[in-house]
PDB file of all heavy atoms in Angstrom:
ATOM      1  N   GLN A   1       0.149   5.838 -11.673  1.00  0.00           N
ATOM      2  CA  GLN A   1      -0.269   4.555 -11.109  1.00  0.00           C
ATOM      3  C   GLN A   1      -0.025   4.550  -9.604  1.00  0.00           C
ATOM      4  O   GLN A   1       1.050   4.941  -9.139  1.00  0.00           O
ATOM      5  CB  GLN A   1       0.509   3.398 -11.754  1.00  0.00           C
ATOM      6  CG  GLN A   1       0.251   3.228 -13.237  1.00  0.00           C
ATOM      7  CD  GLN A   1       1.006   2.043 -13.818  1.00  0.00           C
ATOM      8  OE1 GLN A   1       1.997   1.596 -13.256  1.00  0.00           O
ATOM      9  NE2 GLN A   1       0.529   1.531 -14.929  1.00  0.00           N
ATOM     10  N   THR A   2      -1.010   4.098  -8.871  1.00  0.00           N
ATOM     11  CA  THR A   2      -0.879   4.012  -7.424  1.00  0.00           C
ATOM     12  C   THR A   2       0.121   2.919  -7.047  1.00  0.00           C
ATOM     13  O   THR A   2       0.072   1.817  -7.585  1.00  0.00           O
ATOM     14  CB  THR A   2      -2.242   3.692  -6.776  1.00  0.00           C
ATOM     15  OG1 THR A   2      -3.181   4.701  -7.155  1.00  0.00           O
ATOM     16  CG2 THR A   2      -2.127   3.644  -5.267  1.00  0.00           C
ATOM     17  N   ALA A   3       1.029   3.236  -6.118  1.00  0.00           N
ATOM     18  CA  ALA A   3       2.022   2.255  -5.676  1.00  0.00           C
ATOM     19  C   ALA A   3       1.891   1.935  -4.192  1.00  0.00           C
ATOM     20  O   ALA A   3       2.020   0.780  -3.788  1.00  0.00           O
ATOM     21  CB  ALA A   3       3.431   2.744  -5.980  1.00  0.00           C
ATOM     22  N   VAL A   4       1.675   2.952  -3.365  1.00  0.00           N
ATOM     23  CA  VAL A   4       1.534   2.758  -1.918  1.00  0.00           C
ATOM     24  C   VAL A   4       0.447   3.695  -1.400  1.00  0.00           C
ATOM     25  O   VAL A   4       0.425   4.876  -1.756  1.00  0.00           O
ATOM     26  CB  VAL A   4       2.852   3.052  -1.162  1.00  0.00           C
ATOM     27  CG1 VAL A   4       2.715   2.672   0.313  1.00  0.00           C
ATOM     28  CG2 VAL A   4       4.035   2.320  -1.784  1.00  0.00           C
ATOM     29  N   VAL A   5      -0.439   3.160  -0.558  1.00  0.00           N
ATOM     30  CA  VAL A   5      -1.506   3.978   0.036  1.00  0.00           C
ATOM     31  C   VAL A   5      -1.462   3.804   1.556  1.00  0.00           C
ATOM     32  O   VAL A   5      -1.604   2.688   2.064  1.00  0.00           O
ATOM     33  CB  VAL A   5      -2.897   3.574  -0.484  1.00  0.00           C
ATOM     34  CG1 VAL A   5      -3.979   4.422   0.186  1.00  0.00           C
ATOM     35  CG2 VAL A   5      -2.975   3.721  -1.990  1.00  0.00           C
ATOM     36  N   PHE A   6      -1.263   4.915   2.268  1.00  0.00           N
ATOM     37  CA  PHE A   6      -1.269   4.912   3.732  1.00  0.00           C
ATOM     38  C   PHE A   6      -2.604   5.462   4.226  1.00  0.00           C
ATOM     39  O   PHE A   6      -3.074   6.489   3.731  1.00  0.00           O
ATOM     40  CB  PHE A   6      -0.150   5.793   4.294  1.00  0.00           C
ATOM     41  CG  PHE A   6       1.233   5.266   4.033  1.00  0.00           C
ATOM     42  CD1 PHE A   6       1.953   5.695   2.929  1.00  0.00           C
ATOM     43  CD2 PHE A   6       1.818   4.349   4.890  1.00  0.00           C
ATOM     44  CE1 PHE A   6       3.228   5.220   2.684  1.00  0.00           C
ATOM     45  CE2 PHE A   6       3.093   3.866   4.663  1.00  0.00           C
ATOM     46  CZ  PHE A   6       3.801   4.302   3.551  1.00  0.00           C
ATOM     47  N   THR A   7      -3.172   4.766   5.226  1.00  0.00           N
ATOM     48  CA  THR A   7      -4.421   5.231   5.822  1.00  0.00           C
ATOM     49  C   THR A   7      -4.310   5.157   7.338  1.00  0.00           C
ATOM     50  O   THR A   7      -4.080   4.075   7.886  1.00  0.00           O
ATOM     51  CB  THR A   7      -5.609   4.369   5.359  1.00  0.00           C
ATOM     52  OG1 THR A   7      -5.597   4.264   3.932  1.00  0.00           O
ATOM     53  CG2 THR A   7      -6.920   4.985   5.813  1.00  0.00           C
ATOM     54  N   PRO A   8      -4.438   6.287   8.019  1.00  0.00           N
ATOM     55  CA  PRO A   8      -4.424   6.256   9.490  1.00  0.00           C
ATOM     56  C   PRO A   8      -5.831   6.031  10.042  1.00  0.00           C
ATOM     57  O   PRO A   8      -6.762   6.760   9.693  1.00  0.00           O
ATOM     58  CB  PRO A   8      -3.899   7.645   9.860  1.00  0.00           C
ATOM     59  CG  PRO A   8      -4.334   8.519   8.726  1.00  0.00           C
ATOM     60  CD  PRO A   8      -4.432   7.658   7.494  1.00  0.00           C
ATOM     61  N   PHE A   9      -5.986   5.012  10.854  1.00  0.00           N
ATOM     62  CA  PHE A   9      -7.246   4.752  11.536  1.00  0.00           C
ATOM     63  C   PHE A   9      -7.078   5.035  13.026  1.00  0.00           C
ATOM     64  O   PHE A   9      -5.948   5.218  13.513  1.00  0.00           O
ATOM     65  CB  PHE A   9      -7.677   3.299  11.325  1.00  0.00           C
ATOM     66  CG  PHE A   9      -8.040   2.961   9.907  1.00  0.00           C
ATOM     67  CD1 PHE A   9      -7.126   2.323   9.084  1.00  0.00           C
ATOM     68  CD2 PHE A   9      -9.298   3.270   9.405  1.00  0.00           C
ATOM     69  CE1 PHE A   9      -7.449   2.004   7.773  1.00  0.00           C
ATOM     70  CE2 PHE A   9      -9.633   2.953   8.094  1.00  0.00           C
ATOM     71  CZ  PHE A   9      -8.708   2.315   7.273  1.00  0.00           C
ATOM     72  N   LYS A  10      -8.186   5.026  13.738  1.00  0.00           N
ATOM     73  CA  LYS A  10      -8.127   5.281  15.170  1.00  0.00           C
ATOM     74  C   LYS A  10      -7.308   4.214  15.892  1.00  0.00           C
ATOM     75  O   LYS A  10      -6.550   4.518  16.820  1.00  0.00           O
ATOM     76  CB  LYS A  10      -9.544   5.318  15.750  1.00  0.00           C
ATOM     77  CG  LYS A  10      -9.598   5.627  17.232  1.00  0.00           C
ATOM     78  CD  LYS A  10     -11.039   5.674  17.730  1.00  0.00           C
ATOM     79  CE  LYS A  10     -11.085   5.954  19.227  1.00  0.00           C
ATOM     80  NZ  LYS A  10     -12.495   5.986  19.730  1.00  0.00           N
ATOM     81  N   GLU A  11      -7.424   2.963  15.458  1.00  0.00           N
ATOM     82  CA  GLU A  11      -6.758   1.860  16.147  1.00  0.00           C
ATOM     83  C   GLU A  11      -5.387   1.527  15.575  1.00  0.00           C
ATOM     84  O   GLU A  11      -4.571   0.890  16.252  1.00  0.00           O
ATOM     85  CB  GLU A  11      -7.634   0.591  16.084  1.00  0.00           C
ATOM     86  CG  GLU A  11      -8.980   0.707  16.773  1.00  0.00           C
ATOM     87  CD  GLU A  11     -10.034   1.334  15.868  1.00  0.00           C
ATOM     88  OE1 GLU A  11      -9.736   1.536  14.665  1.00  0.00           O
ATOM     89  OE2 GLU A  11     -11.136   1.648  16.364  1.00  0.00           O
ATOM     90  N   TYR A  12      -5.115   1.914  14.335  1.00  0.00           N
ATOM     91  CA  TYR A  12      -3.867   1.490  13.689  1.00  0.00           C
ATOM     92  C   TYR A  12      -3.571   2.331  12.447  1.00  0.00           C
ATOM     93  O   TYR A  12      -4.441   3.062  11.954  1.00  0.00           O
ATOM     94  CB  TYR A  12      -3.936   0.013  13.291  1.00  0.00           C
ATOM     95  CG  TYR A  12      -5.100  -0.331  12.387  1.00  0.00           C
ATOM     96  CD1 TYR A  12      -4.980  -0.261  10.995  1.00  0.00           C
ATOM     97  CD2 TYR A  12      -6.329  -0.736  12.914  1.00  0.00           C
ATOM     98  CE1 TYR A  12      -6.035  -0.576  10.167  1.00  0.00           C
ATOM     99  CE2 TYR A  12      -7.404  -1.044  12.099  1.00  0.00           C
ATOM    100  CZ  TYR A  12      -7.249  -0.965  10.717  1.00  0.00           C
ATOM    101  OH  TYR A  12      -8.312  -1.269   9.894  1.00  0.00           O
ATOM    102  N   HIS A  13      -2.330   2.212  11.953  1.00  0.00           N
ATOM    103  CA  HIS A  13      -1.948   2.749  10.651  1.00  0.00           C
ATOM    104  C   HIS A  13      -1.898   1.577   9.666  1.00  0.00           C
ATOM    105  O   HIS A  13      -1.434   0.490  10.024  1.00  0.00           O
ATOM    106  CB  HIS A  13      -0.571   3.416  10.698  1.00  0.00           C
ATOM    107  CG  HIS A  13      -0.487   4.595  11.609  1.00  0.00           C
ATOM    108  ND1 HIS A  13      -1.410   5.626  11.585  1.00  0.00           N
ATOM    109  CD2 HIS A  13       0.420   4.932  12.575  1.00  0.00           C
ATOM    110  CE1 HIS A  13      -1.082   6.531  12.492  1.00  0.00           C
ATOM    111  NE2 HIS A  13       0.018   6.129  13.104  1.00  0.00           N
ATOM    112  N   ARG A  14      -2.320   1.830   8.448  1.00  0.00           N
ATOM    113  CA  ARG A  14      -2.347   0.766   7.441  1.00  0.00           C
ATOM    114  C   ARG A  14      -1.685   1.244   6.157  1.00  0.00           C
ATOM    115  O   ARG A  14      -1.822   2.403   5.764  1.00  0.00           O
ATOM    116  CB  ARG A  14      -3.786   0.342   7.141  1.00  0.00           C
ATOM    117  CG  ARG A  14      -3.924  -0.789   6.131  1.00  0.00           C
ATOM    118  CD  ARG A  14      -5.398  -1.140   5.936  1.00  0.00           C
ATOM    119  NE  ARG A  14      -5.584  -2.296   5.081  1.00  0.00           N
ATOM    120  CZ  ARG A  14      -5.675  -2.238   3.748  1.00  0.00           C
ATOM    121  NH1 ARG A  14      -5.589  -1.065   3.138  1.00  0.00           N
ATOM    122  NH2 ARG A  14      -5.843  -3.334   3.026  1.00  0.00           N
ATOM    123  N   ALA A  15      -0.971   0.334   5.500  1.00  0.00           N
ATOM    124  CA  ALA A  15      -0.375   0.631   4.197  1.00  0.00           C
ATOM    125  C   ALA A  15      -0.703  -0.505   3.230  1.00  0.00           C
ATOM    126  O   ALA A  15      -0.518  -1.680   3.557  1.00  0.00           O
ATOM    127  CB  ALA A  15       1.136   0.780   4.310  1.00  0.00           C
ATOM    128  N   ALA A  16      -1.214  -0.147   2.067  1.00  0.00           N
ATOM    129  CA  ALA A  16      -1.428  -1.097   0.976  1.00  0.00           C
ATOM    130  C   ALA A  16      -0.320  -0.870  -0.036  1.00  0.00           C
ATOM    131  O   ALA A  16      -0.131   0.249  -0.519  1.00  0.00           O
ATOM    132  CB  ALA A  16      -2.794  -0.888   0.342  1.00  0.00           C
ATOM    133  N   ILE A  17       0.432  -1.918  -0.342  1.00  0.00           N
ATOM    134  CA  ILE A  17       1.643  -1.797  -1.153  1.00  0.00           C
ATOM    135  C   ILE A  17       1.517  -2.665  -2.402  1.00  0.00           C
ATOM    136  O   ILE A  17       1.255  -3.871  -2.312  1.00  0.00           O
ATOM    137  CB  ILE A  17       2.885  -2.213  -0.338  1.00  0.00           C
ATOM    138  CG1 ILE A  17       3.021  -1.292   0.886  1.00  0.00           C
ATOM    139  CG2 ILE A  17       4.146  -2.175  -1.202  1.00  0.00           C
ATOM    140  CD1 ILE A  17       4.059  -1.753   1.892  1.00  0.00           C
ATOM    141  N   LEU A  18       1.687  -2.034  -3.544  1.00  0.00           N
ATOM    142  CA  LEU A  18       1.627  -2.741  -4.823  1.00  0.00           C
ATOM    143  C   LEU A  18       3.036  -3.097  -5.241  1.00  0.00           C
ATOM    144  O   LEU A  18       3.933  -2.249  -5.245  1.00  0.00           O
ATOM    145  CB  LEU A  18       0.977  -1.851  -5.886  1.00  0.00           C
ATOM    146  CG  LEU A  18       0.563  -2.520  -7.198  1.00  0.00           C
ATOM    147  CD1 LEU A  18      -0.606  -3.469  -6.963  1.00  0.00           C
ATOM    148  CD2 LEU A  18       0.175  -1.460  -8.225  1.00  0.00           C
ATOM    149  N   GLU A  19       3.248  -4.363  -5.592  1.00  0.00           N
ATOM    150  CA  GLU A  19       4.573  -4.840  -6.012  1.00  0.00           C
ATOM    151  C   GLU A  19       4.577  -5.174  -7.495  1.00  0.00           C
ATOM    152  O   GLU A  19       3.579  -5.677  -8.030  1.00  0.00           O
ATOM    153  CB  GLU A  19       4.953  -6.100  -5.233  1.00  0.00           C
ATOM    154  CG  GLU A  19       5.141  -5.931  -3.759  1.00  0.00           C
ATOM    155  CD  GLU A  19       5.559  -7.247  -3.146  1.00  0.00           C
ATOM    156  OE1 GLU A  19       4.685  -8.109  -2.944  1.00  0.00           O
ATOM    157  OE2 GLU A  19       6.760  -7.418  -2.887  1.00  0.00           O
ATOM    158  N   ARG A  20       5.699  -4.908  -8.133  1.00  0.00           N
ATOM    159  CA  ARG A  20       5.888  -5.331  -9.524  1.00  0.00           C
ATOM    160  C   ARG A  20       7.151  -6.170  -9.597  1.00  0.00           C
ATOM    161  O   ARG A  20       8.248  -5.689  -9.319  1.00  0.00           O
ATOM    162  CB  ARG A  20       6.000  -4.123 -10.452  1.00  0.00           C
ATOM    163  CG  ARG A  20       4.713  -3.333 -10.558  1.00  0.00           C
ATOM    164  CD  ARG A  20       4.754  -2.322 -11.669  1.00  0.00           C
ATOM    165  NE  ARG A  20       5.843  -1.373 -11.520  1.00  0.00           N
ATOM    166  CZ  ARG A  20       6.060  -0.362 -12.330  1.00  0.00           C
ATOM    167  NH1 ARG A  20       5.263  -0.172 -13.362  1.00  0.00           N
ATOM    168  NH2 ARG A  20       7.061   0.474 -12.127  1.00  0.00           N
ATOM    169  N   ARG A  21       6.995  -7.440  -9.956  1.00  0.00           N
ATOM    170  CA  ARG A  21       8.142  -8.343 -10.025  1.00  0.00           C
ATOM    171  C   ARG A  21       8.098  -9.136 -11.323  1.00  0.00           C
ATOM    172  O   ARG A  21       7.131  -9.855 -11.579  1.00  0.00           O
ATOM    173  CB  ARG A  21       8.131  -9.337  -8.850  1.00  0.00           C
ATOM    174  CG  ARG A  21       8.283  -8.695  -7.493  1.00  0.00           C
ATOM    175  CD  ARG A  21       8.406  -9.766  -6.443  1.00  0.00           C
ATOM    176  NE  ARG A  21       8.427  -9.209  -5.105  1.00  0.00           N
ATOM    177  CZ  ARG A  21       8.537  -9.943  -4.011  1.00  0.00           C
ATOM    178  NH1 ARG A  21       8.634 -11.252  -4.111  1.00  0.00           N
ATOM    179  NH2 ARG A  21       8.549  -9.371  -2.823  1.00  0.00           N
ATOM    180  N   GLY A  22       9.140  -8.991 -12.097  1.00  0.00           N
ATOM    181  CA  GLY A  22       9.246  -9.777 -13.323  1.00  0.00           C
ATOM    182  C   GLY A  22       8.050  -9.625 -14.244  1.00  0.00           C
ATOM    183  O   GLY A  22       7.607 -10.597 -14.857  1.00  0.00           O
ATOM    184  N   GLY A  23       7.513  -8.406 -14.327  1.00  0.00           N
ATOM    185  CA  GLY A  23       6.376  -8.166 -15.205  1.00  0.00           C
ATOM    186  C   GLY A  23       5.035  -8.494 -14.574  1.00  0.00           C
ATOM    187  O   GLY A  23       3.988  -8.230 -15.164  1.00  0.00           O
ATOM    188  N   ARG A  24       5.053  -9.066 -13.382  1.00  0.00           N
ATOM    189  CA  ARG A  24       3.814  -9.393 -12.695  1.00  0.00           C
ATOM    190  C   ARG A  24       3.545  -8.401 -11.561  1.00  0.00           C
ATOM    191  O   ARG A  24       4.466  -7.831 -11.002  1.00  0.00           O
ATOM    192  CB  ARG A  24       3.863 -10.817 -12.137  1.00  0.00           C
ATOM    193  CG  ARG A  24       3.936 -11.899 -13.222  1.00  0.00           C
ATOM    194  CD  ARG A  24       3.984 -13.277 -12.609  1.00  0.00           C
ATOM    195  NE  ARG A  24       5.168 -13.440 -11.765  1.00  0.00           N
ATOM    196  CZ  ARG A  24       5.404 -14.532 -11.034  1.00  0.00           C
ATOM    197  NH1 ARG A  24       4.533 -15.526 -11.025  1.00  0.00           N
ATOM    198  NH2 ARG A  24       6.504 -14.618 -10.310  1.00  0.00           N
TER     199      ARG A  24
END
């Protein structure tokens, strides 16, 4: 399962972060 995705762009670095809290 994907949890964190880092993507480097020309203008910035980006991270998409998936959280799991209390079953949600």
